Amino acid sequence: MIWAMEKGWSLDENHRLEENSNHALSTKKKLFLCQYDLHRFGADGAMMAFDTHSLTVYRG
């Protein structure tokens, strides 16, 4: 999600994008992989991603 940060999107804007994507993809057989660099997004960004997605992998 570095591209969103480089565009100047706030964490709230990222959250809305993630929620809208989850909703739009809920009936489709598609897989999206969102990656967050913890050094750039920090704990707030990680928690937003964990909260938004039903499945997360941490340092996997």
C-alpha atoms as a PDB file:
ATOM      1  CA  MET A   1       0.000   0.000   0.000  1.00  0.00           C
ATOM      2  CA  ILE A   2       3.008   2.260  -0.372  1.00  0.00           C
ATOM      3  CA  TRP A   3       1.432   3.637  -3.555  1.00  0.00           C
ATOM      4  CA  ALA A   4      -1.426   5.125  -1.504  1.00  0.00           C
ATOM      5  CA  MET A   5       1.031   6.703   0.932  1.00  0.00           C
ATOM      6  CA  GLU A   6       3.004   8.177  -1.966  1.00  0.00           C
ATOM      7  CA  LYS A   7      -0.233   9.708  -3.295  1.00  0.00           C
ATOM      8  CA  GLY A   8      -0.703  11.372   0.084  1.00  0.00           C
ATOM      9  CA  TRP A   9      -3.688   9.291   1.171  1.00  0.00           C
ATOM     10  CA  SER A  10      -4.472   9.336   4.862  1.00  0.00           C
ATOM     11  CA  LEU A  11      -4.909   6.186   6.928  1.00  0.00           C
ATOM     12  CA  ASP A  12      -8.668   6.856   6.959  1.00  0.00           C
ATOM     13  CA  GLU A  13      -8.700   6.979   3.141  1.00  0.00           C
ATOM     14  CA  ASN A  14      -6.785   3.676   3.019  1.00  0.00           C
ATOM     15  CA  HIS A  15      -9.293   2.178   5.431  1.00  0.00           C
ATOM     16  CA  ARG A  16     -12.227   3.253   3.248  1.00  0.00           C
ATOM     17  CA  LEU A  17     -10.518   1.774   0.175  1.00  0.00           C
ATOM     18  CA  GLU A  18      -9.918  -1.504   2.007  1.00  0.00           C
ATOM     19  CA  GLU A  19     -13.511  -1.712   3.255  1.00  0.00           C
ATOM     20  CA  ASN A  20     -14.941  -0.891  -0.176  1.00  0.00           C
ATOM     21  CA  SER A  21     -12.675  -3.475  -1.799  1.00  0.00           C
ATOM     22  CA  ASN A  22     -13.723  -6.124   0.723  1.00  0.00           C
ATOM     23  CA  HIS A  23     -17.386  -5.374   0.039  1.00  0.00           C
ATOM     24  CA  ALA A  24     -16.984  -5.326  -3.749  1.00  0.00           C
ATOM     25  CA  LEU A  25     -15.046  -8.592  -3.755  1.00  0.00           C
ATOM     26  CA  SER A  26     -17.208 -10.454  -1.258  1.00  0.00           C
ATOM     27  CA  THR A  27     -19.256 -12.165  -3.992  1.00  0.00           C
ATOM     28  CA  LYS A  28     -16.384 -12.756  -6.400  1.00  0.00           C
ATOM     29  CA  LYS A  29     -13.817 -15.517  -6.358  1.00  0.00           C
ATOM     30  CA  LYS A  30     -10.837 -13.183  -6.341  1.00  0.00           C
ATOM     31  CA  LEU A  31      -7.867 -12.792  -4.073  1.00  0.00           C
ATOM     32  CA  PHE A  32      -6.315  -9.443  -3.314  1.00  0.00           C
ATOM     33  CA  LEU A  33      -3.063  -9.183  -1.434  1.00  0.00           C
ATOM     34  CA  CYS A  34      -2.540  -5.953   0.484  1.00  0.00           C
ATOM     35  CA  GLN A  35       0.930  -5.430   1.846  1.00  0.00           C
ATOM     36  CA  TYR A  36       1.812  -2.877   4.487  1.00  0.00           C
ATOM     37  CA  ASP A  37       5.412  -1.988   5.304  1.00  0.00           C
ATOM     38  CA  LEU A  38       5.410  -1.747   9.096  1.00  0.00           C
ATOM     39  CA  HIS A  39       8.375   0.623   9.021  1.00  0.00           C
ATOM     40  CA  ARG A  40       6.380   3.108   6.941  1.00  0.00           C
ATOM     41  CA  PHE A  41       2.842   2.585   8.238  1.00  0.00           C
ATOM     42  CA  GLY A  42       3.598   1.814  11.865  1.00  0.00           C
ATOM     43  CA  ALA A  43       1.301   0.285  14.442  1.00  0.00           C
ATOM     44  CA  ASP A  44      -1.729   2.371  13.424  1.00  0.00           C
ATOM     45  CA  GLY A  45      -1.491   1.134   9.841  1.00  0.00           C
ATOM     46  CA  ALA A  46      -1.024  -2.471  10.943  1.00  0.00           C
ATOM     47  CA  MET A  47      -4.007  -2.333  13.282  1.00  0.00           C
ATOM     48  CA  MET A  48      -6.168  -0.791  10.552  1.00  0.00           C
ATOM     49  CA  ALA A  49      -5.222  -3.636   8.192  1.00  0.00           C
ATOM     50  CA  PHE A  50      -5.827  -6.296  10.866  1.00  0.00           C
ATOM     51  CA  ASP A  51      -9.198  -4.755  11.685  1.00  0.00           C
ATOM     52  CA  THR A  52     -10.286  -4.417   8.053  1.00  0.00           C
ATOM     53  CA  HIS A  53      -9.363  -7.860   6.739  1.00  0.00           C
ATOM     54  CA  SER A  54     -10.784 -11.178   7.887  1.00  0.00           C
ATOM     55  CA  LEU A  55      -7.473 -12.934   7.165  1.00  0.00           C
ATOM     56  CA  THR A  56      -4.039 -11.495   7.874  1.00  0.00           C
ATOM     57  CA  VAL A  57      -0.503 -12.859   7.866  1.00  0.00           C
ATOM     58  CA  TYR A  58       2.107 -11.208  10.026  1.00  0.00           C
ATOM     59  CA  ARG A  59       5.752 -11.881   9.231  1.00  0.00           C
ATOM     60  CA  GLY A  60       4.656 -15.019   7.476  1.00  0.00           C
END
